[in-house]
N, C-alpha and C. Protein backbone atom coordinates (compact mmCIF):
# COMPACT_ATOMS: atom_id res chain seq x y z
N MET A 1 0.33 -1.24 -0.05
CA MET A 1 0.10 0.05 -0.04
C MET A 1 1.04 1.45 -0.15
N ALA A 2 2.17 1.34 0.68
CA ALA A 2 2.52 2.09 1.00
C ALA A 2 2.92 2.59 -0.08
N ARG A 3 3.95 1.33 -0.97
CA ARG A 3 4.83 1.68 -2.50
C ARG A 3 3.82 2.32 -3.61
N LEU A 4 2.29 2.03 -3.29
CA LEU A 4 1.25 2.87 -4.28
C LEU A 4 1.09 4.24 -4.13
N LEU A 5 1.26 4.18 -2.53
CA LEU A 5 0.72 5.94 -2.33
C LEU A 5 2.07 6.54 -2.86
N ARG A 6 3.26 6.10 -2.67
CA ARG A 6 4.47 6.75 -3.06
C ARG A 6 4.86 6.86 -4.20
N ALA A 7 4.45 6.00 -5.52
CA ALA A 7 3.96 5.60 -7.36
C ALA A 7 3.08 7.13 -7.31
N LEU A 8 2.13 7.43 -6.82
CA LEU A 8 1.01 8.14 -7.11
C LEU A 8 1.60 9.92 -6.28
N GLY A 9 2.43 10.01 -5.40
CA GLY A 9 2.93 11.03 -5.30
C GLY A 9 2.01 11.34 -3.92
N LEU A 10 1.62 10.38 -3.16
CA LEU A 10 0.99 10.88 -2.20
C LEU A 10 1.97 9.88 -0.81
N LYS A 11 1.31 10.39 0.32
CA LYS A 11 1.79 9.71 1.61
C LYS A 11 1.41 9.34 2.68
N MET A 12 1.46 7.64 2.91
CA MET A 12 0.19 7.93 4.25
C MET A 12 0.22 8.05 5.15
N LYS A 13 -0.25 8.42 5.76
CA LYS A 13 -0.69 9.56 7.60
C LYS A 13 -0.66 8.56 8.65
N VAL A 14 -0.02 8.64 9.73
CA VAL A 14 0.24 8.04 10.88
C VAL A 14 0.62 8.45 11.73
N ALA A 15 -0.32 7.92 12.41
CA ALA A 15 -0.13 8.71 14.04
C ALA A 15 0.16 7.17 14.48
N VAL A 16 1.55 7.35 16.30
CA VAL A 16 1.80 6.49 17.23
C VAL A 16 1.64 7.09 18.68
N PHE A 17 1.51 5.98 19.53
CA PHE A 17 1.31 6.01 20.92
C PHE A 17 2.35 5.10 21.24
N GLY A 18 2.32 5.34 22.11
CA GLY A 18 2.85 4.83 23.08
C GLY A 18 4.17 5.06 23.85
N LYS A 19 5.29 4.10 24.35
CA LYS A 19 6.56 4.74 25.02
C LYS A 19 7.25 5.33 24.31
N GLU A 20 7.42 4.72 23.15
CA GLU A 20 8.89 5.92 22.36
C GLU A 20 8.19 6.62 21.25
N VAL A 21 7.71 7.02 21.15
CA VAL A 21 6.84 8.10 20.61
C VAL A 21 8.09 8.13 20.14
N ARG A 22 8.59 9.22 20.23
CA ARG A 22 10.26 9.82 19.36
C ARG A 22 10.93 8.96 18.61
N LYS A 23 12.01 7.84 19.30
CA LYS A 23 12.04 6.82 18.08
C LYS A 23 11.07 6.18 16.94
N LEU A 24 9.92 5.96 17.33
CA LEU A 24 9.36 5.80 16.15
C LEU A 24 9.11 6.34 15.35
N LYS A 25 8.37 7.24 15.48
CA LYS A 25 7.88 8.82 14.73
C LYS A 25 9.03 8.90 13.64
N LYS A 26 10.05 9.24 14.48
CA LYS A 26 11.89 8.92 13.27
C LYS A 26 11.26 7.89 12.11
N LYS A 27 11.26 6.68 13.03
CA LYS A 27 11.41 5.48 11.63
C LYS A 27 10.39 5.81 10.44
N VAL A 28 9.06 6.06 11.61
CA VAL A 28 8.15 6.37 10.17
C VAL A 28 8.32 7.20 9.32
N GLU A 29 9.08 7.99 9.29
CA GLU A 29 9.36 9.37 8.45
C GLU A 29 10.09 8.94 7.64
N GLU A 30 11.40 8.18 8.57
CA GLU A 30 12.40 7.74 7.25
C GLU A 30 12.32 7.07 6.52
N LYS A 31 11.45 5.73 6.85
CA LYS A 31 10.32 5.34 5.47
C LYS A 31 9.44 5.60 4.67
N GLY A 32 9.03 6.53 4.47
CA GLY A 32 8.76 8.04 3.75
C GLY A 32 6.82 7.96 3.94
N PHE A 33 6.39 7.72 5.65
CA PHE A 33 6.04 7.95 5.94
C PHE A 33 4.95 9.58 6.18
N GLU A 34 4.20 10.27 5.99
CA GLU A 34 3.50 11.15 7.40
C GLU A 34 3.48 10.75 8.53
N TYR A 35 4.27 11.76 9.05
CA TYR A 35 3.21 11.51 10.89
C TYR A 35 2.64 12.98 10.81
N ASP A 36 1.08 12.11 11.02
CA ASP A 36 -0.11 12.94 10.81
C ASP A 36 -1.06 12.83 12.31
N LYS A 37 -0.58 13.83 13.38
CA LYS A 37 -1.27 12.77 14.97
C LYS A 37 -2.93 13.25 15.17
N GLU A 38 -3.72 14.49 14.46
CA GLU A 38 -4.86 14.85 13.67
C GLU A 38 -5.41 14.10 12.75
N ASN A 39 -5.10 13.87 12.17
CA ASN A 39 -5.76 12.80 11.19
C ASN A 39 -5.20 11.92 10.68
N PRO A 40 -5.15 11.11 11.68
CA PRO A 40 -4.08 9.78 10.38
C PRO A 40 -4.52 8.55 9.93
N ASP A 41 -4.29 8.01 8.60
CA ASP A 41 -4.88 6.71 8.19
C ASP A 41 -4.31 5.11 8.90
N VAL A 42 -3.42 5.74 9.60
CA VAL A 42 -3.24 4.28 10.09
C VAL A 42 -2.44 4.84 11.44
N VAL A 43 -2.59 4.35 12.83
CA VAL A 43 -2.29 4.35 13.97
C VAL A 43 -1.57 3.07 14.52
N ILE A 44 -0.43 3.25 15.02
CA ILE A 44 0.72 2.42 16.22
C ILE A 44 0.30 2.78 17.02
N CYS A 45 0.35 1.31 17.85
CA CYS A 45 0.23 1.52 19.49
C CYS A 45 1.51 0.62 19.82
N TYR A 46 2.11 0.92 20.31
CA TYR A 46 3.77 0.49 20.81
C TYR A 46 3.78 0.65 21.90
N GLY A 47 3.91 0.02 22.96
CA GLY A 47 4.19 -0.37 24.34
C GLY A 47 4.88 -1.43 24.69
N GLY A 48 3.70 -1.53 25.85
CA GLY A 48 3.97 -2.84 26.43
C GLY A 48 3.78 -2.41 27.78
N ASP A 49 3.02 -1.29 27.86
CA ASP A 49 2.50 -0.43 29.61
C ASP A 49 1.11 -0.65 30.15
N CYS A 50 0.41 -1.82 29.59
CA CYS A 50 -0.72 -2.81 30.23
C CYS A 50 -1.66 -1.38 29.13
N THR A 51 -1.49 -0.68 28.46
CA THR A 51 -2.55 0.02 27.43
C THR A 51 -3.66 -0.19 26.54
N SER A 52 -4.88 -0.18 26.73
CA SER A 52 -6.18 -0.93 25.78
C SER A 52 -7.32 0.11 25.08
N PHE A 53 -7.04 -0.22 23.84
CA PHE A 53 -8.75 0.93 23.91
C PHE A 53 -9.19 0.33 23.25
């Protein structure tokens, strides 16, 4: 999906929540995704802090 969007000149918007937000945000952007906490296409939850939603 990400490759198709890049081929079309678009970026998938991703929000990241969890313990290592700064590190994960950097990785998300390195992989060509756009970090967008307000209107994401995908949400990544990372942690192990027993958070549930």
